[in-house]
């Protein structure tokens, strides 16, 4: 989204804000298209997805989700995405 090899960090209070930010970066044809691969494992506050077969151009992949528990509720602390561009 921001350039080759760059890391973009953003903070959102809601998934709606996160979704709006993603939509703002879409092109007319809707790319990058959102993809999720097979879940490898999810434990100790980290869910990881399998991308051993590579990624495609014009795709945005969910790579990792980091979470914690507070007062018996799960909350997301970080989401890592891979941009196929």
PDB file of N, CA and C in Angstrom:
ATOM      1  N   UNK A   1       0.805  -1.192   0.000  1.00  0.00           N
ATOM      2  CA  UNK A   1       0.000   0.000   0.000  1.00  0.00           C
ATOM      3  C   UNK A   1       0.854   1.264   0.000  1.00  0.00           C
ATOM      4  N   UNK A   2       1.901   1.282   0.788  1.00  0.00           N
ATOM      5  CA  UNK A   2       2.707   2.478   0.937  1.00  0.00           C
ATOM      6  C   UNK A   2       4.018   2.424   0.164  1.00  0.00           C
ATOM      7  N   UNK A   3       4.355   1.297  -0.415  1.00  0.00           N
ATOM      8  CA  UNK A   3       5.608   1.185  -1.146  1.00  0.00           C
ATOM      9  C   UNK A   3       6.312  -0.112  -0.820  1.00  0.00           C
ATOM     10  N   UNK A   4       7.210  -0.536  -1.702  1.00  0.00           N
ATOM     11  CA  UNK A   4       7.905  -1.811  -1.533  1.00  0.00           C
ATOM     12  C   UNK A   4       8.729  -1.831  -0.258  1.00  0.00           C
ATOM     13  N   UNK A   5       8.556  -2.903   0.512  1.00  0.00           N
ATOM     14  CA  UNK A   5       9.359  -3.112   1.704  1.00  0.00           C
ATOM     15  C   UNK A   5       9.022  -2.204   2.867  1.00  0.00           C
ATOM     16  N   UNK A   6       7.982  -1.404   2.747  1.00  0.00           N
ATOM     17  CA  UNK A   6       7.662  -0.480   3.831  1.00  0.00           C
ATOM     18  C   UNK A   6       6.750  -1.145   4.862  1.00  0.00           C
ATOM     19  N   UNK A   7       6.841  -0.645   6.062  1.00  0.00           N
ATOM     20  CA  UNK A   7       5.984  -1.087   7.149  1.00  0.00           C
ATOM     21  C   UNK A   7       5.075   0.082   7.495  1.00  0.00           C
ATOM     22  N   UNK A   8       3.788  -0.173   7.518  1.00  0.00           N
ATOM     23  CA  UNK A   8       2.813   0.863   7.846  1.00  0.00           C
ATOM     24  C   UNK A   8       2.177   0.495   9.173  1.00  0.00           C
ATOM     25  N   UNK A   9       2.167   1.429  10.080  1.00  0.00           N
ATOM     26  CA  UNK A   9       1.561   1.177  11.391  1.00  0.00           C
ATOM     27  C   UNK A   9       0.406   2.144  11.583  1.00  0.00           C
ATOM     28  N   UNK A  10      -0.734   1.591  11.928  1.00  0.00           N
ATOM     29  CA  UNK A  10      -1.920   2.382  12.196  1.00  0.00           C
ATOM     30  C   UNK A  10      -2.607   1.786  13.415  1.00  0.00           C
ATOM     31  N   UNK A  11      -3.331   2.629  14.134  1.00  0.00           N
ATOM     32  CA  UNK A  11      -4.054   2.170  15.312  1.00  0.00           C
ATOM     33  C   UNK A  11      -5.521   2.537  15.142  1.00  0.00           C
ATOM     34  N   UNK A  12      -6.409   1.585  15.452  1.00  0.00           N
ATOM     35  CA  UNK A  12      -7.842   1.786  15.312  1.00  0.00           C
ATOM     36  C   UNK A  12      -8.539   1.322  16.577  1.00  0.00           C
ATOM     37  N   UNK A  13      -9.613   2.010  16.932  1.00  0.00           N
ATOM     38  CA  UNK A  13     -10.382   1.616  18.109  1.00  0.00           C
ATOM     39  C   UNK A  13     -11.447   0.590  17.770  1.00  0.00           C
ATOM     40  N   UNK A  14     -11.877   0.545  16.501  1.00  0.00           N
ATOM     41  CA  UNK A  14     -12.928  -0.390  16.103  1.00  0.00           C
ATOM     42  C   UNK A  14     -12.556  -1.062  14.782  1.00  0.00           C
ATOM     43  N   UNK A  15     -13.192  -2.202  14.518  1.00  0.00           N
ATOM     44  CA  UNK A  15     -12.991  -2.863  13.232  1.00  0.00           C
ATOM     45  C   UNK A  15     -13.586  -2.033  12.104  1.00  0.00           C
ATOM     46  N   UNK A  16     -14.612  -1.255  12.394  1.00  0.00           N
ATOM     47  CA  UNK A  16     -15.206  -0.382  11.368  1.00  0.00           C
ATOM     48  C   UNK A  16     -14.186   0.660  10.907  1.00  0.00           C
ATOM     49  N   UNK A  17     -13.420   1.220  11.812  1.00  0.00           N
ATOM     50  CA  UNK A  17     -12.375   2.177  11.440  1.00  0.00           C
ATOM     51  C   UNK A  17     -11.292   1.497  10.616  1.00  0.00           C
ATOM     52  N   UNK A  18     -10.920   0.289  11.002  1.00  0.00           N
ATOM     53  CA  UNK A  18      -9.923  -0.480  10.267  1.00  0.00           C
ATOM     54  C   UNK A  18     -10.415  -0.770   8.847  1.00  0.00           C
ATOM     55  N   UNK A  19     -11.670  -1.197   8.723  1.00  0.00           N
ATOM     56  CA  UNK A  19     -12.261  -1.486   7.417  1.00  0.00           C
ATOM     57  C   UNK A  19     -12.318  -0.228   6.546  1.00  0.00           C
ATOM     58  N   UNK A  20     -12.690   0.901   7.131  1.00  0.00           N
ATOM     59  CA  UNK A  20     -12.742   2.160   6.374  1.00  0.00           C
ATOM     60  C   UNK A  20     -11.355   2.535   5.857  1.00  0.00           C
ATOM     61  N   UNK A  21     -10.315   2.322   6.661  1.00  0.00           N
ATOM     62  CA  UNK A  21      -8.952   2.623   6.227  1.00  0.00           C
ATOM     63  C   UNK A  21      -8.542   1.722   5.065  1.00  0.00           C
ATOM     64  N   UNK A  22      -8.888   0.434   5.159  1.00  0.00           N
ATOM     65  CA  UNK A  22      -8.588  -0.494   4.069  1.00  0.00           C
ATOM     66  C   UNK A  22      -9.326  -0.085   2.787  1.00  0.00           C
ATOM     67  N   UNK A  23     -10.601   0.268   2.899  1.00  0.00           N
ATOM     68  CA  UNK A  23     -11.386   0.683   1.732  1.00  0.00           C
ATOM     69  C   UNK A  23     -10.837   1.952   1.101  1.00  0.00           C
ATOM     70  N   UNK A  24     -10.304   2.842   1.918  1.00  0.00           N
ATOM     71  CA  UNK A  24      -9.733   4.095   1.409  1.00  0.00           C
ATOM     72  C   UNK A  24      -8.542   3.818   0.490  1.00  0.00           C
ATOM     73  N   UNK A  25      -7.849   2.710   0.695  1.00  0.00           N
ATOM     74  CA  UNK A  25      -6.672   2.368  -0.096  1.00  0.00           C
ATOM     75  C   UNK A  25      -6.976   1.454  -1.281  1.00  0.00           C
ATOM     76  N   UNK A  26      -8.248   1.120  -1.471  1.00  0.00           N
ATOM     77  CA  UNK A  26      -8.620   0.300  -2.625  1.00  0.00           C
ATOM     78  C   UNK A  26      -8.627   1.149  -3.891  1.00  0.00           C
ATOM     79  N   UNK A  27      -8.296   0.496  -5.013  1.00  0.00           N
ATOM     80  CA  UNK A  27      -8.374   1.156  -6.311  1.00  0.00           C
ATOM     81  C   UNK A  27      -9.773   0.938  -6.893  1.00  0.00           C
ATOM     82  N   UNK A  28     -10.034   1.505  -8.054  1.00  0.00           N
ATOM     83  CA  UNK A  28     -11.371   1.424  -8.651  1.00  0.00           C
ATOM     84  C   UNK A  28     -11.849  -0.008  -8.825  1.00  0.00           C
ATOM     85  N   UNK A  29     -10.972  -0.908  -9.232  1.00  0.00           N
ATOM     86  CA  UNK A  29     -11.375  -2.296  -9.467  1.00  0.00           C
ATOM     87  C   UNK A  29     -11.488  -3.108  -8.181  1.00  0.00           C
ATOM     88  N   UNK A  30     -11.247  -2.486  -7.032  1.00  0.00           N
ATOM     89  CA  UNK A  30     -11.389  -3.164  -5.752  1.00  0.00           C
ATOM     90  C   UNK A  30     -10.111  -3.773  -5.202  1.00  0.00           C
ATOM     91  N   UNK A  31      -9.022  -3.708  -5.959  1.00  0.00           N
ATOM     92  CA  UNK A  31      -7.742  -4.260  -5.505  1.00  0.00           C
ATOM     93  C   UNK A  31      -7.104  -3.309  -4.500  1.00  0.00           C
ATOM     94  N   UNK A  32      -6.342  -3.791  -3.563  1.00  0.00           N
ATOM     95  CA  UNK A  32      -5.991  -5.185  -3.346  1.00  0.00           C
ATOM     96  C   UNK A  32      -7.149  -5.956  -2.713  1.00  0.00           C
ATOM     97  N   UNK A  33      -7.335  -7.180  -3.189  1.00  0.00           N
ATOM     98  CA  UNK A  33      -8.400  -8.042  -2.706  1.00  0.00           C
ATOM     99  C   UNK A  33      -7.957  -8.717  -1.417  1.00  0.00           C
ATOM    100  N   UNK A  34      -8.832  -8.836  -0.472  1.00  0.00           N
ATOM    101  CA  UNK A  34      -8.499  -9.398   0.848  1.00  0.00           C
ATOM    102  C   UNK A  34      -8.565 -10.922   0.821  1.00  0.00           C
ATOM    103  N   UNK A  35      -7.533 -11.543   1.393  1.00  0.00           N
ATOM    104  CA  UNK A  35      -7.432 -13.007   1.408  1.00  0.00           C
ATOM    105  C   UNK A  35      -7.021 -13.494   2.797  1.00  0.00           C
ATOM    106  N   UNK A  36      -7.477 -14.682   3.136  1.00  0.00           N
ATOM    107  CA  UNK A  36      -7.055 -15.357   4.364  1.00  0.00           C
ATOM    108  C   UNK A  36      -6.660 -16.775   3.981  1.00  0.00           C
ATOM    109  N   UNK A  37      -5.507 -17.210   4.449  1.00  0.00           N
ATOM    110  CA  UNK A  37      -5.036 -18.561   4.164  1.00  0.00           C
ATOM    111  C   UNK A  37      -5.379 -19.487   5.332  1.00  0.00           C
ATOM    112  N   UNK A  38      -4.877 -20.693   5.261  1.00  0.00           N
ATOM    113  CA  UNK A  38      -5.118 -21.702   6.286  1.00  0.00           C
ATOM    114  C   UNK A  38      -4.475 -21.294   7.613  1.00  0.00           C
ATOM    115  N   UNK A  39      -5.219 -21.460   8.698  1.00  0.00           N
ATOM    116  CA  UNK A  39      -4.717 -21.176  10.037  1.00  0.00           C
ATOM    117  C   UNK A  39      -3.728 -22.263  10.437  1.00  0.00           C
ATOM    118  N   UNK A  40      -2.493 -21.880  10.776  1.00  0.00           N
ATOM    119  CA  UNK A  40      -1.466 -22.833  11.184  1.00  0.00           C
ATOM    120  C   UNK A  40      -1.629 -23.173  12.653  1.00  0.00           C
ATOM    121  N   UNK A  41      -1.655 -22.142  13.503  1.00  0.00           N
ATOM    122  CA  UNK A  41      -1.851 -22.371  14.934  1.00  0.00           C
ATOM    123  C   UNK A  41      -2.315 -21.081  15.582  1.00  0.00           C
ATOM    124  N   UNK A  42      -2.941 -21.267  16.728  1.00  0.00           N
ATOM    125  CA  UNK A  42      -3.441 -20.126  17.486  1.00  0.00           C
ATOM    126  C   UNK A  42      -3.271 -20.459  18.965  1.00  0.00           C
ATOM    127  N   UNK A  43      -2.277 -19.845  19.604  1.00  0.00           N
ATOM    128  CA  UNK A  43      -2.047 -20.094  21.021  1.00  0.00           C
ATOM    129  C   UNK A  43      -1.196 -18.980  21.608  1.00  0.00           C
ATOM    130  N   UNK A  44      -1.331 -18.817  22.908  1.00  0.00           N
ATOM    131  CA  UNK A  44      -0.539 -17.852  23.673  1.00  0.00           C
ATOM    132  C   UNK A  44      -0.552 -16.449  23.070  1.00  0.00           C
ATOM    133  N   UNK A  45      -1.714 -16.042  22.633  1.00  0.00           N
ATOM    134  CA  UNK A  45      -1.875 -14.677  22.155  1.00  0.00           C
ATOM    135  C   UNK A  45      -1.455 -14.423  20.728  1.00  0.00           C
ATOM    136  N   UNK A  46      -1.275 -15.482  19.940  1.00  0.00           N
ATOM    137  CA  UNK A  46      -0.808 -15.306  18.565  1.00  0.00           C
ATOM    138  C   UNK A  46      -1.457 -16.333  17.645  1.00  0.00           C
ATOM    139  N   UNK A  47      -2.117 -15.852  16.598  1.00  0.00           N
ATOM    140  CA  UNK A  47      -2.668 -16.729  15.560  1.00  0.00           C
ATOM    141  C   UNK A  47      -1.855 -16.492  14.294  1.00  0.00           C
ATOM    142  N   UNK A  48      -1.432 -17.577  13.673  1.00  0.00           N
ATOM    143  CA  UNK A  48      -0.540 -17.491  12.521  1.00  0.00           C
ATOM    144  C   UNK A  48      -1.122 -18.268  11.350  1.00  0.00           C
ATOM    145  N   UNK A  49      -0.971 -17.703  10.143  1.00  0.00           N
ATOM    146  CA  UNK A  49      -1.546 -18.290   8.935  1.00  0.00           C
ATOM    147  C   UNK A  49      -0.444 -18.764   7.995  1.00  0.00           C
ATOM    148  N   UNK A  50      -0.747 -19.780   7.169  1.00  0.00           N
ATOM    149  CA  UNK A  50       0.220 -20.437   6.299  1.00  0.00           C
ATOM    150  C   UNK A  50       0.311 -19.742   4.935  1.00  0.00           C
ATOM    151  N   UNK A  51       1.515 -19.290   4.582  1.00  0.00           N
ATOM    152  CA  UNK A  51       1.756 -18.705   3.261  1.00  0.00           C
ATOM    153  C   UNK A  51       2.972 -19.340   2.606  1.00  0.00           C
ATOM    154  N   UNK A  52       3.179 -20.638   2.848  1.00  0.00           N
ATOM    155  CA  UNK A  52       4.310 -21.358   2.262  1.00  0.00           C
ATOM    156  C   UNK A  52       4.232 -21.427   0.743  1.00  0.00           C
ATOM    157  N   UNK A  53       3.022 -21.355   0.190  1.00  0.00           N
ATOM    158  CA  UNK A  53       2.852 -21.430  -1.264  1.00  0.00           C
ATOM    159  C   UNK A  53       2.983 -20.073  -1.941  1.00  0.00           C
ATOM    160  N   UNK A  54       3.315 -19.045  -1.198  1.00  0.00           N
ATOM    161  CA  UNK A  54       3.507 -17.720  -1.772  1.00  0.00           C
ATOM    162  C   UNK A  54       2.240 -16.890  -1.770  1.00  0.00           C
ATOM    163  N   UNK A  55       2.374 -15.659  -2.273  1.00  0.00           N
ATOM    164  CA  UNK A  55       1.253 -14.741  -2.342  1.00  0.00           C
ATOM    165  C   UNK A  55       1.143 -14.187  -3.758  1.00  0.00           C
ATOM    166  N   UNK A  56      -0.018 -13.678  -4.095  1.00  0.00           N
ATOM    167  CA  UNK A  56      -0.286 -13.162  -5.428  1.00  0.00           C
ATOM    168  C   UNK A  56      -0.310 -11.637  -5.455  1.00  0.00           C
ATOM    169  N   UNK A  57      -0.092 -11.098  -6.634  1.00  0.00           N
ATOM    170  CA  UNK A  57      -0.173  -9.665  -6.883  1.00  0.00           C
ATOM    171  C   UNK A  57      -1.619  -9.190  -6.673  1.00  0.00           C
ATOM    172  N   UNK A  58      -1.791  -7.958  -6.237  1.00  0.00           N
ATOM    173  CA  UNK A  58      -3.105  -7.337  -6.011  1.00  0.00           C
ATOM    174  C   UNK A  58      -3.924  -8.033  -4.930  1.00  0.00           C
ATOM    175  N   UNK A  59      -3.251  -8.653  -3.981  1.00  0.00           N
ATOM    176  CA  UNK A  59      -3.926  -9.331  -2.867  1.00  0.00           C
ATOM    177  C   UNK A  59      -3.382  -8.782  -1.558  1.00  0.00           C
ATOM    178  N   UNK A  60      -4.233  -8.699  -0.572  1.00  0.00           N
ATOM    179  CA  UNK A  60      -3.853  -8.291   0.773  1.00  0.00           C
ATOM    180  C   UNK A  60      -4.179  -9.462   1.693  1.00  0.00           C
ATOM    181  N   UNK A  61      -3.171 -10.018   2.349  1.00  0.00           N
ATOM    182  CA  UNK A  61      -3.304 -11.251   3.126  1.00  0.00           C
ATOM    183  C   UNK A  61      -3.228 -10.992   4.626  1.00  0.00           C
ATOM    184  N   UNK A  62      -4.105 -11.664   5.356  1.00  0.00           N
ATOM    185  CA  UNK A  62      -4.011 -11.682   6.809  1.00  0.00           C
ATOM    186  C   UNK A  62      -2.849 -12.603   7.166  1.00  0.00           C
ATOM    187  N   UNK A  63      -1.852 -12.086   7.867  1.00  0.00           N
ATOM    188  CA  UNK A  63      -0.653 -12.862   8.191  1.00  0.00           C
ATOM    189  C   UNK A  63      -0.645 -13.321   9.642  1.00  0.00           C
ATOM    190  N   UNK A  64      -0.856 -12.411  10.572  1.00  0.00           N
ATOM    191  CA  UNK A  64      -0.835 -12.732  12.000  1.00  0.00           C
ATOM    192  C   UNK A  64      -1.882 -11.906  12.735  1.00  0.00           C
ATOM    193  N   UNK A  65      -2.417 -12.484  13.797  1.00  0.00           N
ATOM    194  CA  UNK A  65      -3.272 -11.759  14.731  1.00  0.00           C
ATOM    195  C   UNK A  65      -2.693 -11.973  16.123  1.00  0.00           C
ATOM    196  N   UNK A  66      -2.541 -10.898  16.864  1.00  0.00           N
ATOM    197  CA  UNK A  66      -2.065 -10.962  18.247  1.00  0.00           C
ATOM    198  C   UNK A  66      -3.218 -10.522  19.150  1.00  0.00           C
ATOM    199  N   UNK A  67      -3.412 -11.237  20.244  1.00  0.00           N
ATOM    200  CA  UNK A  67      -4.541 -10.948  21.123  1.00  0.00           C
ATOM    201  C   UNK A  67      -4.151 -11.127  22.581  1.00  0.00           C
ATOM    202  N   UNK A  68      -4.972 -10.568  23.443  1.00  0.00           N
ATOM    203  CA  UNK A  68      -4.818 -10.713  24.893  1.00  0.00           C
ATOM    204  C   UNK A  68      -6.193 -10.872  25.506  1.00  0.00           C
ATOM    205  N   UNK A  69      -6.204 -11.163  26.788  1.00  0.00           N
ATOM    206  CA  UNK A  69      -7.451 -11.267  27.531  1.00  0.00           C
ATOM    207  C   UNK A  69      -7.465 -10.189  28.607  1.00  0.00           C
ATOM    208  N   UNK A  70      -8.619  -9.555  28.765  1.00  0.00           N
ATOM    209  CA  UNK A  70      -8.795  -8.568  29.826  1.00  0.00           C
ATOM    210  C   UNK A  70     -10.202  -8.740  30.391  1.00  0.00           C
ATOM    211  N   UNK A  71     -10.289  -8.936  31.685  1.00  0.00           N
ATOM    212  CA  UNK A  71     -11.580  -9.108  32.356  1.00  0.00           C
ATOM    213  C   UNK A  71     -12.432 -10.192  31.689  1.00  0.00           C
ATOM    214  N   UNK A  72     -11.795 -11.282  31.295  1.00  0.00           N
ATOM    215  CA  UNK A  72     -12.507 -12.394  30.701  1.00  0.00           C
ATOM    216  C   UNK A  72     -12.886 -12.214  29.241  1.00  0.00           C
ATOM    217  N   UNK A  73     -12.442 -11.118  28.626  1.00  0.00           N
ATOM    218  CA  UNK A  73     -12.751 -10.859  27.218  1.00  0.00           C
ATOM    219  C   UNK A  73     -11.478 -10.853  26.382  1.00  0.00           C
ATOM    220  N   UNK A  74     -11.636 -11.298  25.148  1.00  0.00           N
ATOM    221  CA  UNK A  74     -10.514 -11.300  24.214  1.00  0.00           C
ATOM    222  C   UNK A  74     -10.483  -9.967  23.477  1.00  0.00           C
ATOM    223  N   UNK A  75      -9.286  -9.385  23.329  1.00  0.00           N
ATOM    224  CA  UNK A  75      -9.179  -8.200  22.502  1.00  0.00           C
ATOM    225  C   UNK A  75      -7.938  -8.301  21.629  1.00  0.00           C
ATOM    226  N   UNK A  76      -8.030  -7.743  20.451  1.00  0.00           N
ATOM    227  CA  UNK A  76      -6.958  -7.785  19.451  1.00  0.00           C
ATOM    228  C   UNK A  76      -5.964  -6.668  19.756  1.00  0.00           C
ATOM    229  N   UNK A  77      -4.687  -7.026  19.802  1.00  0.00           N
ATOM    230  CA  UNK A  77      -3.662  -6.006  20.032  1.00  0.00           C
ATOM    231  C   UNK A  77      -2.951  -5.612  18.743  1.00  0.00           C
ATOM    232  N   UNK A  78      -2.921  -6.527  17.780  1.00  0.00           N
ATOM    233  CA  UNK A  78      -2.200  -6.236  16.536  1.00  0.00           C
ATOM    234  C   UNK A  78      -2.656  -7.185  15.433  1.00  0.00           C
ATOM    235  N   UNK A  79      -2.725  -6.673  14.219  1.00  0.00           N
ATOM    236  CA  UNK A  79      -3.016  -7.471  13.031  1.00  0.00           C
ATOM    237  C   UNK A  79      -1.939  -7.164  12.006  1.00  0.00           C
ATOM    238  N   UNK A  80      -1.281  -8.198  11.502  1.00  0.00           N
ATOM    239  CA  UNK A  80      -0.259  -8.023  10.469  1.00  0.00           C
ATOM    240  C   UNK A  80      -0.820  -8.483   9.127  1.00  0.00           C
ATOM    241  N   UNK A  81      -0.626  -7.653   8.116  1.00  0.00           N
ATOM    242  CA  UNK A  81      -1.093  -7.948   6.764  1.00  0.00           C
ATOM    243  C   UNK A  81       0.088  -8.007   5.821  1.00  0.00           C
ATOM    244  N   UNK A  82       0.000  -8.848   4.783  1.00  0.00           N
ATOM    245  CA  UNK A  82       0.988  -8.898   3.700  1.00  0.00           C
ATOM    246  C   UNK A  82       0.352  -8.303   2.464  1.00  0.00           C
ATOM    247  N   UNK A  83       1.045  -7.383   1.824  1.00  0.00           N
ATOM    248  CA  UNK A  83       0.561  -6.764   0.594  1.00  0.00           C
ATOM    249  C   UNK A  83       1.270  -7.407  -0.591  1.00  0.00           C
ATOM    250  N   UNK A  84       0.523  -7.978  -1.516  1.00  0.00           N
ATOM    251  CA  UNK A  84       1.097  -8.668  -2.665  1.00  0.00           C
ATOM    252  C   UNK A  84       1.674  -7.756  -3.721  1.00  0.00           C
ATOM    253  N   UNK A  85       1.725  -6.472  -3.469  1.00  0.00           N
ATOM    254  CA  UNK A  85       2.323  -5.554  -4.459  1.00  0.00           C
ATOM    255  C   UNK A  85       3.761  -5.307  -4.209  1.00  0.00           C
TER     256      UNK A  85
END
